[in-house]
Amino acid sequence: MSSCVAGCGHPETAQHLFLLCNTFGSLWRLVRDWIGCYGVDADNISDHLLQFTHLSGGGNARRAFMQLIWLLCAWVVWNERNNLLFNNVVTPIPCLLDKIKTLSLGWLQDKKANFVFGKQ
């Protein structure tokens, strides 16, 4: 087993890379702050997905949105891991959050989701 590409010295397991790594794992707090949901992260990937998806309560649309955000986080972390490993390119974590925001907005716009900003 190889060491984490973030240079933390831990073995690179899926659990470590996506949840426990001081570098990539810190993305979850930023994402929760962005969407306004707070909680403690589970240490197991499947538990983390389930908890994150149901973090804010709500109906099916809200859970689907939370699942989308979780999957985008995993996708962005995996791509950044590969970018670091194969291209030696480091992207700051706040830039990864921006990628998640941009990708989620693009997906929602493609699905013709209605956005309501501000007070009505």
PDB file of N, CA and C in Angstrom:
ATOM      1  N   MET A   1       0.850  -1.165   0.000  1.00  0.00           N
ATOM      2  CA  MET A   1       0.000   0.000   0.000  1.00  0.00           C
ATOM      3  C   MET A   1       0.903   1.239   0.000  1.00  0.00           C
ATOM      4  N   SER A   2       0.578   2.189  -0.847  1.00  0.00           N
ATOM      5  CA  SER A   2       1.400   3.389  -0.944  1.00  0.00           C
ATOM      6  C   SER A   2       0.914   4.465   0.034  1.00  0.00           C
ATOM      7  N   SER A   3       1.771   5.441   0.219  1.00  0.00           N
ATOM      8  CA  SER A   3       1.438   6.549   1.114  1.00  0.00           C
ATOM      9  C   SER A   3       0.508   7.535   0.420  1.00  0.00           C
ATOM     10  N   CYS A   4      -0.244   8.249   1.197  1.00  0.00           N
ATOM     11  CA  CYS A   4      -1.172   9.255   0.701  1.00  0.00           C
ATOM     12  C   CYS A   4      -0.422  10.289  -0.147  1.00  0.00           C
ATOM     13  N   VAL A   5      -0.992  10.630  -1.290  1.00  0.00           N
ATOM     14  CA  VAL A   5      -0.351  11.584  -2.194  1.00  0.00           C
ATOM     15  C   VAL A   5      -0.273  12.988  -1.601  1.00  0.00           C
ATOM     16  N   ALA A   6      -1.076  13.263  -0.585  1.00  0.00           N
ATOM     17  CA  ALA A   6      -1.058  14.584   0.040  1.00  0.00           C
ATOM     18  C   ALA A   6       0.182  14.789   0.915  1.00  0.00           C
ATOM     19  N   GLY A   7       0.935  13.711   1.116  1.00  0.00           N
ATOM     20  CA  GLY A   7       2.180  13.824   1.864  1.00  0.00           C
ATOM     21  C   GLY A   7       2.028  13.750   3.368  1.00  0.00           C
ATOM     22  N   CYS A   8       0.901  13.253   3.843  1.00  0.00           N
ATOM     23  CA  CYS A   8       0.681  13.186   5.287  1.00  0.00           C
ATOM     24  C   CYS A   8       1.341  11.967   5.926  1.00  0.00           C
ATOM     25  N   GLY A   9       1.809  11.020   5.096  1.00  0.00           N
ATOM     26  CA  GLY A   9       2.513   9.859   5.611  1.00  0.00           C
ATOM     27  C   GLY A   9       1.638   8.665   5.936  1.00  0.00           C
ATOM     28  N   HIS A  10       0.327   8.799   5.864  1.00  0.00           N
ATOM     29  CA  HIS A  10      -0.579   7.682   6.138  1.00  0.00           C
ATOM     30  C   HIS A  10      -0.741   6.828   4.883  1.00  0.00           C
ATOM     31  N   PRO A  11      -1.061   5.553   5.057  1.00  0.00           N
ATOM     32  CA  PRO A  11      -1.350   4.722   3.885  1.00  0.00           C
ATOM     33  C   PRO A  11      -2.573   5.267   3.149  1.00  0.00           C
ATOM     34  N   GLU A  12      -2.530   5.225   1.828  1.00  0.00           N
ATOM     35  CA  GLU A  12      -3.636   5.760   1.050  1.00  0.00           C
ATOM     36  C   GLU A  12      -4.716   4.705   0.861  1.00  0.00           C
ATOM     37  N   THR A  13      -5.689   4.756   1.731  1.00  0.00           N
ATOM     38  CA  THR A  13      -6.894   3.949   1.587  1.00  0.00           C
ATOM     39  C   THR A  13      -8.008   4.892   1.158  1.00  0.00           C
ATOM     40  N   ALA A  14      -9.094   4.334   0.670  1.00  0.00           N
ATOM     41  CA  ALA A  14     -10.234   5.171   0.285  1.00  0.00           C
ATOM     42  C   ALA A  14     -10.743   5.958   1.494  1.00  0.00           C
ATOM     43  N   GLN A  15     -10.850   5.289   2.626  1.00  0.00           N
ATOM     44  CA  GLN A  15     -11.328   5.944   3.839  1.00  0.00           C
ATOM     45  C   GLN A  15     -10.421   7.107   4.213  1.00  0.00           C
ATOM     46  N   HIS A  16      -9.117   6.879   4.144  1.00  0.00           N
ATOM     47  CA  HIS A  16      -8.190   7.943   4.489  1.00  0.00           C
ATOM     48  C   HIS A  16      -8.276   9.091   3.491  1.00  0.00           C
ATOM     49  N   LEU A  17      -8.189   8.776   2.207  1.00  0.00           N
ATOM     50  CA  LEU A  17      -8.151   9.810   1.180  1.00  0.00           C
ATOM     51  C   LEU A  17      -9.392  10.696   1.209  1.00  0.00           C
ATOM     52  N   PHE A  18     -10.563  10.088   1.259  1.00  0.00           N
ATOM     53  CA  PHE A  18     -11.801  10.852   1.150  1.00  0.00           C
ATOM     54  C   PHE A  18     -12.290  11.455   2.461  1.00  0.00           C
ATOM     55  N   LEU A  19     -11.907  10.872   3.594  1.00  0.00           N
ATOM     56  CA  LEU A  19     -12.492  11.339   4.852  1.00  0.00           C
ATOM     57  C   LEU A  19     -11.477  11.802   5.897  1.00  0.00           C
ATOM     58  N   LEU A  20     -10.383  11.085   6.046  1.00  0.00           N
ATOM     59  CA  LEU A  20      -9.503  11.310   7.193  1.00  0.00           C
ATOM     60  C   LEU A  20      -8.258  12.139   6.894  1.00  0.00           C
ATOM     61  N   CYS A  21      -7.885  12.255   5.642  1.00  0.00           N
ATOM     62  CA  CYS A  21      -6.687  13.004   5.264  1.00  0.00           C
ATOM     63  C   CYS A  21      -6.841  14.466   5.682  1.00  0.00           C
ATOM     64  N   ASN A  22      -5.814  15.005   6.318  1.00  0.00           N
ATOM     65  CA  ASN A  22      -5.876  16.401   6.751  1.00  0.00           C
ATOM     66  C   ASN A  22      -6.065  17.357   5.581  1.00  0.00           C
ATOM     67  N   THR A  23      -5.576  16.976   4.417  1.00  0.00           N
ATOM     68  CA  THR A  23      -5.726  17.835   3.246  1.00  0.00           C
ATOM     69  C   THR A  23      -7.095  17.658   2.619  1.00  0.00           C
ATOM     70  N   PHE A  24      -7.348  16.489   2.056  1.00  0.00           N
ATOM     71  CA  PHE A  24      -8.594  16.275   1.322  1.00  0.00           C
ATOM     72  C   PHE A  24      -9.809  16.169   2.237  1.00  0.00           C
ATOM     73  N   GLY A  25      -9.644  15.614   3.406  1.00  0.00           N
ATOM     74  CA  GLY A  25     -10.755  15.491   4.344  1.00  0.00           C
ATOM     75  C   GLY A  25     -11.275  16.828   4.834  1.00  0.00           C
ATOM     76  N   SER A  26     -10.427  17.849   4.789  1.00  0.00           N
ATOM     77  CA  SER A  26     -10.852  19.186   5.240  1.00  0.00           C
ATOM     78  C   SER A  26     -11.888  19.808   4.310  1.00  0.00           C
ATOM     79  N   LEU A  27     -12.017  19.257   3.117  1.00  0.00           N
ATOM     80  CA  LEU A  27     -12.993  19.783   2.156  1.00  0.00           C
ATOM     81  C   LEU A  27     -14.422  19.642   2.677  1.00  0.00           C
ATOM     82  N   TRP A  28     -14.691  18.593   3.453  1.00  0.00           N
ATOM     83  CA  TRP A  28     -16.065  18.354   3.931  1.00  0.00           C
ATOM     84  C   TRP A  28     -16.571  19.488   4.814  1.00  0.00           C
ATOM     85  N   ARG A  29     -15.708  20.027   5.667  1.00  0.00           N
ATOM     86  CA  ARG A  29     -16.131  21.140   6.526  1.00  0.00           C
ATOM     87  C   ARG A  29     -16.487  22.354   5.678  1.00  0.00           C
ATOM     88  N   LEU A  30     -15.674  22.628   4.677  1.00  0.00           N
ATOM     89  CA  LEU A  30     -15.951  23.764   3.788  1.00  0.00           C
ATOM     90  C   LEU A  30     -17.263  23.581   3.032  1.00  0.00           C
ATOM     91  N   VAL A  31     -17.523  22.370   2.600  1.00  0.00           N
ATOM     92  CA  VAL A  31     -18.768  22.090   1.882  1.00  0.00           C
ATOM     93  C   VAL A  31     -19.960  22.258   2.813  1.00  0.00           C
ATOM     94  N   ARG A  32     -19.857  21.720   4.030  1.00  0.00           N
ATOM     95  CA  ARG A  32     -20.958  21.885   4.989  1.00  0.00           C
ATOM     96  C   ARG A  32     -21.193  23.359   5.312  1.00  0.00           C
ATOM     97  N   ASP A  33     -20.123  24.120   5.470  1.00  0.00           N
ATOM     98  CA  ASP A  33     -20.275  25.563   5.718  1.00  0.00           C
ATOM     99  C   ASP A  33     -20.980  26.235   4.543  1.00  0.00           C
ATOM    100  N   TRP A  34     -20.609  25.867   3.332  1.00  0.00           N
ATOM    101  CA  TRP A  34     -21.201  26.451   2.131  1.00  0.00           C
ATOM    102  C   TRP A  34     -22.706  26.188   2.055  1.00  0.00           C
ATOM    103  N   ILE A  35     -23.119  24.934   2.341  1.00  0.00           N
ATOM    104  CA  ILE A  35     -24.539  24.608   2.218  1.00  0.00           C
ATOM    105  C   ILE A  35     -25.314  24.854   3.510  1.00  0.00           C
ATOM    106  N   GLY A  36     -24.603  25.214   4.578  1.00  0.00           N
ATOM    107  CA  GLY A  36     -25.274  25.564   5.824  1.00  0.00           C
ATOM    108  C   GLY A  36     -25.748  24.379   6.640  1.00  0.00           C
ATOM    109  N   CYS A  37     -25.075  23.258   6.547  1.00  0.00           N
ATOM    110  CA  CYS A  37     -25.417  22.074   7.340  1.00  0.00           C
ATOM    111  C   CYS A  37     -24.208  21.686   8.174  1.00  0.00           C
ATOM    112  N   TYR A  38     -24.451  21.430   9.428  1.00  0.00           N
ATOM    113  CA  TYR A  38     -23.337  21.163  10.326  1.00  0.00           C
ATOM    114  C   TYR A  38     -23.518  19.825  11.003  1.00  0.00           C
ATOM    115  N   GLY A  39     -22.409  19.185  11.292  1.00  0.00           N
ATOM    116  CA  GLY A  39     -22.448  17.898  11.947  1.00  0.00           C
ATOM    117  C   GLY A  39     -21.058  17.322  12.047  1.00  0.00           C
ATOM    118  N   VAL A  40     -20.990  16.139  12.578  1.00  0.00           N
ATOM    119  CA  VAL A  40     -19.734  15.423  12.726  1.00  0.00           C
ATOM    120  C   VAL A  40     -19.679  14.382  11.617  1.00  0.00           C
ATOM    121  N   ASP A  41     -18.529  14.279  10.963  1.00  0.00           N
ATOM    122  CA  ASP A  41     -18.381  13.323   9.871  1.00  0.00           C
ATOM    123  C   ASP A  41     -18.150  11.913  10.389  1.00  0.00           C
ATOM    124  N   ALA A  42     -18.791  10.956   9.738  1.00  0.00           N
ATOM    125  CA  ALA A  42     -18.552   9.546  10.029  1.00  0.00           C
ATOM    126  C   ALA A  42     -17.192   9.149   9.450  1.00  0.00           C
ATOM    127  N   ASP A  43     -16.581   8.113  10.021  1.00  0.00           N
ATOM    128  CA  ASP A  43     -15.271   7.648   9.560  1.00  0.00           C
ATOM    129  C   ASP A  43     -15.353   6.591   8.466  1.00  0.00           C
ATOM    130  N   ASN A  44     -16.525   6.083   8.201  1.00  0.00           N
ATOM    131  CA  ASN A  44     -16.736   5.041   7.207  1.00  0.00           C
ATOM    132  C   ASN A  44     -17.402   5.680   5.988  1.00  0.00           C
ATOM    133  N   ILE A  45     -16.933   5.342   4.779  1.00  0.00           N
ATOM    134  CA  ILE A  45     -17.421   6.015   3.573  1.00  0.00           C
ATOM    135  C   ILE A  45     -18.923   5.827   3.379  1.00  0.00           C
ATOM    136  N   SER A  46     -19.425   4.625   3.494  1.00  0.00           N
ATOM    137  CA  SER A  46     -20.865   4.419   3.272  1.00  0.00           C
ATOM    138  C   SER A  46     -21.693   5.121   4.347  1.00  0.00           C
ATOM    139  N   ASP A  47     -21.229   5.092   5.595  1.00  0.00           N
ATOM    140  CA  ASP A  47     -21.925   5.820   6.659  1.00  0.00           C
ATOM    141  C   ASP A  47     -21.868   7.329   6.414  1.00  0.00           C
ATOM    142  N   HIS A  48     -20.727   7.799   5.927  1.00  0.00           N
ATOM    143  CA  HIS A  48     -20.556   9.226   5.647  1.00  0.00           C
ATOM    144  C   HIS A  48     -21.541   9.675   4.571  1.00  0.00           C
ATOM    145  N   LEU A  49     -21.657   8.900   3.494  1.00  0.00           N
ATOM    146  CA  LEU A  49     -22.612   9.231   2.431  1.00  0.00           C
ATOM    147  C   LEU A  49     -24.030   9.274   2.970  1.00  0.00           C
ATOM    148  N   LEU A  50     -24.417   8.272   3.717  1.00  0.00           N
ATOM    149  CA  LEU A  50     -25.769   8.208   4.275  1.00  0.00           C
ATOM    150  C   LEU A  50     -26.028   9.384   5.216  1.00  0.00           C
ATOM    151  N   GLN A  51     -25.087   9.644   6.104  1.00  0.00           N
ATOM    152  CA  GLN A  51     -25.245  10.746   7.054  1.00  0.00           C
ATOM    153  C   GLN A  51     -25.301  12.080   6.322  1.00  0.00           C
ATOM    154  N   PHE A  52     -24.397  12.296   5.378  1.00  0.00           N
ATOM    155  CA  PHE A  52     -24.355  13.563   4.654  1.00  0.00           C
ATOM    156  C   PHE A  52     -25.636  13.777   3.851  1.00  0.00           C
ATOM    157  N   THR A  53     -26.124  12.724   3.228  1.00  0.00           N
ATOM    158  CA  THR A  53     -27.328  12.823   2.410  1.00  0.00           C
ATOM    159  C   THR A  53     -28.539  13.214   3.244  1.00  0.00           C
ATOM    160  N   HIS A  54     -28.587  12.759   4.484  1.00  0.00           N
ATOM    161  CA  HIS A  54     -29.731  13.044   5.345  1.00  0.00           C
ATOM    162  C   HIS A  54     -29.445  14.146   6.362  1.00  0.00           C
ATOM    163  N   LEU A  55     -28.310  14.817   6.215  1.00  0.00           N
ATOM    164  CA  LEU A  55     -27.859  15.815   7.183  1.00  0.00           C
ATOM    165  C   LEU A  55     -28.862  16.939   7.400  1.00  0.00           C
ATOM    166  N   SER A  56     -29.464  17.393   6.328  1.00  0.00           N
ATOM    167  CA  SER A  56     -30.332  18.567   6.441  1.00  0.00           C
ATOM    168  C   SER A  56     -31.803  18.219   6.503  1.00  0.00           C
ATOM    169  N   GLY A  57     -32.104  16.932   6.539  1.00  0.00           N
ATOM    170  CA  GLY A  57     -33.510  16.544   6.545  1.00  0.00           C
ATOM    171  C   GLY A  57     -34.132  16.856   5.197  1.00  0.00           C
ATOM    172  N   GLY A  58     -35.385  17.216   5.193  1.00  0.00           N
ATOM    173  CA  GLY A  58     -36.036  17.594   3.949  1.00  0.00           C
ATOM    174  C   GLY A  58     -36.541  16.402   3.164  1.00  0.00           C
ATOM    175  N   GLY A  59     -37.102  16.723   2.016  1.00  0.00           N
ATOM    176  CA  GLY A  59     -37.700  15.695   1.172  1.00  0.00           C
ATOM    177  C   GLY A  59     -36.712  15.091   0.203  1.00  0.00           C
ATOM    178  N   ASN A  60     -37.276  14.400  -0.770  1.00  0.00           N
ATOM    179  CA  ASN A  60     -36.457  13.685  -1.749  1.00  0.00           C
ATOM    180  C   ASN A  60     -35.563  14.619  -2.554  1.00  0.00           C
ATOM    181  N   ALA A  61     -36.067  15.785  -2.916  1.00  0.00           N
ATOM    182  CA  ALA A  61     -35.270  16.728  -3.715  1.00  0.00           C
ATOM    183  C   ALA A  61     -34.046  17.192  -2.920  1.00  0.00           C
ATOM    184  N   ARG A  62     -34.226  17.482  -1.654  1.00  0.00           N
ATOM    185  CA  ARG A  62     -33.110  17.923  -0.818  1.00  0.00           C
ATOM    186  C   ARG A  62     -32.085  16.802  -0.644  1.00  0.00           C
ATOM    187  N   ARG A  63     -32.555  15.592  -0.406  1.00  0.00           N
ATOM    188  CA  ARG A  63     -31.636  14.451  -0.266  1.00  0.00           C
ATOM    189  C   ARG A  63     -30.893  14.190  -1.573  1.00  0.00           C
ATOM    190  N   ALA A  64     -31.573  14.340  -2.708  1.00  0.00           N
ATOM    191  CA  ALA A  64     -30.917  14.147  -4.009  1.00  0.00           C
ATOM    192  C   ALA A  64     -29.838  15.212  -4.217  1.00  0.00           C
ATOM    193  N   PHE A  65     -30.122  16.442  -3.807  1.00  0.00           N
ATOM    194  CA  PHE A  65     -29.127  17.509  -3.911  1.00  0.00           C
ATOM    195  C   PHE A  65     -27.921  17.193  -3.029  1.00  0.00           C
ATOM    196  N   MET A  66     -28.159  16.754  -1.805  1.00  0.00           N
ATOM    197  CA  MET A  66     -27.060  16.427  -0.896  1.00  0.00           C
ATOM    198  C   MET A  66     -26.241  15.252  -1.432  1.00  0.00           C
ATOM    199  N   GLN A  67     -26.908  14.289  -2.037  1.00  0.00           N
ATOM    200  CA  GLN A  67     -26.191  13.166  -2.634  1.00  0.00           C
ATOM    201  C   GLN A  67     -25.344  13.652  -3.809  1.00  0.00           C
ATOM    202  N   LEU A  68     -25.881  14.546  -4.612  1.00  0.00           N
ATOM    203  CA  LEU A  68     -25.120  15.133  -5.715  1.00  0.00           C
ATOM    204  C   LEU A  68     -23.865  15.821  -5.194  1.00  0.00           C
ATOM    205  N   ILE A  69     -23.999  16.611  -4.151  1.00  0.00           N
ATOM    206  CA  ILE A  69     -22.854  17.328  -3.588  1.00  0.00           C
ATOM    207  C   ILE A  69     -21.827  16.331  -3.059  1.00  0.00           C
ATOM    208  N   TRP A  70     -22.269  15.288  -2.387  1.00  0.00           N
ATOM    209  CA  TRP A  70     -21.334  14.290  -1.856  1.00  0.00           C
ATOM    210  C   TRP A  70     -20.564  13.616  -2.989  1.00  0.00           C
ATOM    211  N   LEU A  71     -21.282  13.211  -4.029  1.00  0.00           N
ATOM    212  CA  LEU A  71     -20.630  12.547  -5.161  1.00  0.00           C
ATOM    213  C   LEU A  71     -19.669  13.494  -5.878  1.00  0.00           C
ATOM    214  N   LEU A  72     -20.041  14.754  -6.005  1.00  0.00           N
ATOM    215  CA  LEU A  72     -19.135  15.733  -6.608  1.00  0.00           C
ATOM    216  C   LEU A  72     -17.878  15.918  -5.765  1.00  0.00           C
ATOM    217  N   CYS A  73     -18.023  15.926  -4.454  1.00  0.00           N
ATOM    218  CA  CYS A  73     -16.847  16.028  -3.577  1.00  0.00           C
ATOM    219  C   CYS A  73     -15.910  14.853  -3.811  1.00  0.00           C
ATOM    220  N   ALA A  74     -16.470  13.655  -3.850  1.00  0.00           N
ATOM    221  CA  ALA A  74     -15.650  12.465  -4.077  1.00  0.00           C
ATOM    222  C   ALA A  74     -14.974  12.537  -5.444  1.00  0.00           C
ATOM    223  N   TRP A  75     -15.708  12.976  -6.466  1.00  0.00           N
ATOM    224  CA  TRP A  75     -15.163  13.096  -7.817  1.00  0.00           C
ATOM    225  C   TRP A  75     -14.024  14.113  -7.869  1.00  0.00           C
ATOM    226  N   VAL A  76     -14.224  15.262  -7.240  1.00  0.00           N
ATOM    227  CA  VAL A  76     -13.207  16.309  -7.233  1.00  0.00           C
ATOM    228  C   VAL A  76     -11.962  15.842  -6.474  1.00  0.00           C
ATOM    229  N   VAL A  77     -12.147  15.196  -5.330  1.00  0.00           N
ATOM    230  CA  VAL A  77     -11.001  14.690  -4.566  1.00  0.00           C
ATOM    231  C   VAL A  77     -10.235  13.657  -5.388  1.00  0.00           C
ATOM    232  N   TRP A  78     -10.951  12.737  -6.034  1.00  0.00           N
ATOM    233  CA  TRP A  78     -10.276  11.710  -6.821  1.00  0.00           C
ATOM    234  C   TRP A  78      -9.486  12.331  -7.979  1.00  0.00           C
ATOM    235  N   ASN A  79     -10.094  13.291  -8.666  1.00  0.00           N
ATOM    236  CA  ASN A  79      -9.389  13.958  -9.765  1.00  0.00           C
ATOM    237  C   ASN A  79      -8.184  14.754  -9.265  1.00  0.00           C
ATOM    238  N   GLU A  80      -8.329  15.384  -8.124  1.00  0.00           N
ATOM    239  CA  GLU A  80      -7.205  16.148  -7.566  1.00  0.00           C
ATOM    240  C   GLU A  80      -6.096  15.206  -7.114  1.00  0.00           C
ATOM    241  N   ARG A  81      -6.472  14.086  -6.554  1.00  0.00           N
ATOM    242  CA  ARG A  81      -5.475  13.077  -6.171  1.00  0.00           C
ATOM    243  C   ARG A  81      -4.674  12.649  -7.392  1.00  0.00           C
ATOM    244  N   ASN A  82      -5.357  12.369  -8.496  1.00  0.00           N
ATOM    245  CA  ASN A  82      -4.677  11.962  -9.721  1.00  0.00           C
ATOM    246  C   ASN A  82      -3.843  13.102 -10.306  1.00  0.00           C
ATOM    247  N   ASN A  83      -4.344  14.314 -10.240  1.00  0.00           N
ATOM    248  CA  ASN A  83      -3.602  15.469 -10.730  1.00  0.00           C
ATOM    249  C   ASN A  83      -2.310  15.655  -9.931  1.00  0.00           C
ATOM    250  N   LEU A  84      -2.387  15.443  -8.647  1.00  0.00           N
ATOM    251  CA  LEU A  84      -1.212  15.550  -7.786  1.00  0.00           C
ATOM    252  C   LEU A  84      -0.233  14.403  -8.061  1.00  0.00           C
ATOM    253  N   LEU A  85      -0.758  13.193  -8.186  1.00  0.00           N
ATOM    254  CA  LEU A  85       0.083  12.018  -8.394  1.00  0.00           C
ATOM    255  C   LEU A  85       0.763  12.024  -9.766  1.00  0.00           C
ATOM    256  N   PHE A  86       0.012  12.314 -10.809  1.00  0.00           N
ATOM    257  CA  PHE A  86       0.537  12.175 -12.163  1.00  0.00           C
ATOM    258  C   PHE A  86       1.125  13.453 -12.742  1.00  0.00           C
ATOM    259  N   ASN A  87       0.661  14.610 -12.280  1.00  0.00           N
ATOM    260  CA  ASN A  87       1.120  15.886 -12.853  1.00  0.00           C
ATOM    261  C   ASN A  87       1.862  16.757 -11.852  1.00  0.00           C
ATOM    262  N   ASN A  88       1.915  16.305 -10.592  1.00  0.00           N
ATOM    263  CA  ASN A  88       2.567  17.066  -9.521  1.00  0.00           C
ATOM    264  C   ASN A  88       1.998  18.485  -9.396  1.00  0.00           C
ATOM    265  N   VAL A  89       0.689  18.593  -9.586  1.00  0.00           N
ATOM    266  CA  VAL A  89      -0.004  19.879  -9.487  1.00  0.00           C
ATOM    267  C   VAL A  89      -0.827  19.886  -8.208  1.00  0.00           C
ATOM    268  N   VAL A  90      -0.623  20.912  -7.393  1.00  0.00           N
ATOM    269  CA  VAL A  90      -1.354  21.059  -6.135  1.00  0.00           C
ATOM    270  C   VAL A  90      -2.392  22.160  -6.300  1.00  0.00           C
ATOM    271  N   THR A  91      -3.632  21.834  -6.035  1.00  0.00           N
ATOM    272  CA  THR A  91      -4.712  22.814  -6.076  1.00  0.00           C
ATOM    273  C   THR A  91      -5.146  23.098  -4.646  1.00  0.00           C
ATOM    274  N   PRO A  92      -5.185  24.363  -4.241  1.00  0.00           N
ATOM    275  CA  PRO A  92      -5.625  24.681  -2.874  1.00  0.00           C
ATOM    276  C   PRO A  92      -7.054  24.187  -2.623  1.00  0.00           C
ATOM    277  N   ILE A  93      -7.305  23.763  -1.410  1.00  0.00           N
ATOM    278  CA  ILE A  93      -8.616  23.231  -1.035  1.00  0.00           C
ATOM    279  C   ILE A  93      -9.757  24.218  -1.330  1.00  0.00           C
ATOM    280  N   PRO A  94      -9.608  25.530  -1.060  1.00  0.00           N
ATOM    281  CA  PRO A  94     -10.708  26.442  -1.435  1.00  0.00           C
ATOM    282  C   PRO A  94     -11.024  26.415  -2.935  1.00  0.00           C
ATOM    283  N   CYS A  95     -10.030  26.152  -3.769  1.00  0.00           N
ATOM    284  CA  CYS A  95     -10.277  26.031  -5.212  1.00  0.00           C
ATOM    285  C   CYS A  95     -11.054  24.758  -5.527  1.00  0.00           C
ATOM    286  N   LEU A  96     -10.832  23.706  -4.738  1.00  0.00           N
ATOM    287  CA  LEU A  96     -11.607  22.479  -4.918  1.00  0.00           C
ATOM    288  C   LEU A  96     -13.074  22.725  -4.566  1.00  0.00           C
ATOM    289  N   LEU A  97     -13.308  23.514  -3.523  1.00  0.00           N
ATOM    290  CA  LEU A  97     -14.682  23.876  -3.175  1.00  0.00           C
ATOM    291  C   LEU A  97     -15.322  24.650  -4.322  1.00  0.00           C
ATOM    292  N   ASP A  98     -14.573  25.552  -4.934  1.00  0.00           N
ATOM    293  CA  ASP A  98     -15.103  26.301  -6.081  1.00  0.00           C
ATOM    294  C   ASP A  98     -15.463  25.363  -7.231  1.00  0.00           C
ATOM    295  N   LYS A  99     -14.660  24.331  -7.444  1.00  0.00           N
ATOM    296  CA  LYS A  99     -14.973  23.346  -8.484  1.00  0.00           C
ATOM    297  C   LYS A  99     -16.293  22.648  -8.176  1.00  0.00           C
ATOM    298  N   ILE A 100     -16.492  22.293  -6.913  1.00  0.00           N
ATOM    299  CA  ILE A 100     -17.727  21.621  -6.512  1.00  0.00           C
ATOM    300  C   ILE A 100     -18.922  22.546  -6.736  1.00  0.00           C
ATOM    301  N   LYS A 101     -18.778  23.796  -6.370  1.00  0.00           N
ATOM    302  CA  LYS A 101     -19.858  24.767  -6.584  1.00  0.00           C
ATOM    303  C   LYS A 101     -20.184  24.907  -8.064  1.00  0.00           C
ATOM    304  N   THR A 102     -19.163  25.038  -8.882  1.00  0.00           N
ATOM    305  CA  THR A 102     -19.361  25.211 -10.320  1.00  0.00           C
ATOM    306  C   THR A 102     -19.996  23.976 -10.950  1.00  0.00           C
ATOM    307  N   LEU A 103     -19.492  22.805 -10.601  1.00  0.00           N
ATOM    308  CA  LEU A 103     -20.054  21.576 -11.150  1.00  0.00           C
ATOM    309  C   LEU A 103     -21.495  21.359 -10.707  1.00  0.00           C
ATOM    310  N   SER A 104     -21.790  21.650  -9.446  1.00  0.00           N
ATOM    311  CA  SER A 104     -23.168  21.460  -8.964  1.00  0.00           C
ATOM    312  C   SER A 104     -24.116  22.450  -9.631  1.00  0.00           C
ATOM    313  N   LEU A 105     -23.682  23.688  -9.810  1.00  0.00           N
ATOM    314  CA  LEU A 105     -24.520  24.680 -10.479  1.00  0.00           C
ATOM    315  C   LEU A 105     -24.778  24.260 -11.924  1.00  0.00           C
ATOM    316  N   GLY A 106     -23.734  23.798 -12.595  1.00  0.00           N
ATOM    317  CA  GLY A 106     -23.903  23.349 -13.976  1.00  0.00           C
ATOM    318  C   GLY A 106     -24.878  22.190 -14.083  1.00  0.00           C
ATOM    319  N   TRP A 107     -24.781  21.248 -13.159  1.00  0.00           N
ATOM    320  CA  TRP A 107     -25.679  20.109 -13.181  1.00  0.00           C
ATOM    321  C   TRP A 107     -27.111  20.550 -12.914  1.00  0.00           C
ATOM    322  N   LEU A 108     -27.279  21.400 -11.926  1.00  0.00           N
ATOM    323  CA  LEU A 108     -28.628  21.859 -11.594  1.00  0.00           C
ATOM    324  C   LEU A 108     -29.240  22.678 -12.730  1.00  0.00           C
ATOM    325  N   GLN A 109     -28.432  23.519 -13.374  1.00  0.00           N
ATOM    326  CA  GLN A 109     -28.938  24.288 -14.503  1.00  0.00           C
ATOM    327  C   GLN A 109     -29.311  23.371 -15.665  1.00  0.00           C
ATOM    328  N   ASP A 110     -28.519  22.335 -15.878  1.00  0.00           N
ATOM    329  CA  ASP A 110     -28.799  21.377 -16.942  1.00  0.00           C
ATOM    330  C   ASP A 110     -30.117  20.653 -16.681  1.00  0.00           C
ATOM    331  N   LYS A 111     -30.398  20.408 -15.401  1.00  0.00           N
ATOM    332  CA  LYS A 111     -31.652  19.741 -15.025  1.00  0.00           C
ATOM    333  C   LYS A 111     -32.809  20.726 -14.904  1.00  0.00           C
ATOM    334  N   LYS A 112     -32.546  21.985 -15.230  1.00  0.00           N
ATOM    335  CA  LYS A 112     -33.566  23.051 -15.212  1.00  0.00           C
ATOM    336  C   LYS A 112     -34.163  23.256 -13.825  1.00  0.00           C
ATOM    337  N   ALA A 113     -33.297  23.157 -12.814  1.00  0.00           N
ATOM    338  CA  ALA A 113     -33.756  23.400 -11.441  1.00  0.00           C
ATOM    339  C   ALA A 113     -34.090  24.879 -11.284  1.00  0.00           C
ATOM    340  N   ASN A 114     -35.089  25.177 -10.510  1.00  0.00           N
ATOM    341  CA  ASN A 114     -35.465  26.553 -10.240  1.00  0.00           C
ATOM    342  C   ASN A 114     -34.668  27.079  -9.070  1.00  0.00           C
ATOM    343  N   PHE A 115     -34.056  28.240  -9.243  1.00  0.00           N
ATOM    344  CA  PHE A 115     -33.281  28.853  -8.190  1.00  0.00           C
ATOM    345  C   PHE A 115     -34.032  30.045  -7.628  1.00  0.00           C
ATOM    346  N   VAL A 116     -34.056  30.135  -6.330  1.00  0.00           N
ATOM    347  CA  VAL A 116     -34.666  31.271  -5.668  1.00  0.00           C
ATOM    348  C   VAL A 116     -33.597  31.893  -4.798  1.00  0.00           C
ATOM    349  N   PHE A 117     -33.253  33.131  -5.104  1.00  0.00           N
ATOM    350  CA  PHE A 117     -32.234  33.829  -4.335  1.00  0.00           C
ATOM    351  C   PHE A 117     -32.874  34.996  -3.607  1.00  0.00           C
ATOM    352  N   GLY A 118     -32.441  35.216  -2.372  1.00  0.00           N
ATOM    353  CA  GLY A 118     -32.962  36.345  -1.612  1.00  0.00           C
ATOM    354  C   GLY A 118     -34.364  36.099  -1.113  1.00  0.00           C
ATOM    355  N   LYS A 119     -34.979  37.150  -0.628  1.00  0.00           N
ATOM    356  CA  LYS A 119     -36.339  37.064  -0.077  1.00  0.00           C
ATOM    357  C   LYS A 119     -37.361  37.282  -1.171  1.00  0.00           C
ATOM    358  N   GLN A 120     -38.492  36.666  -0.994  1.00  0.00           N
ATOM    359  CA  GLN A 120     -39.572  36.837  -1.975  1.00  0.00           C
ATOM    360  C   GLN A 120     -40.656  37.695  -1.433  1.00  0.00           C
TER     361      GLN A 120
END
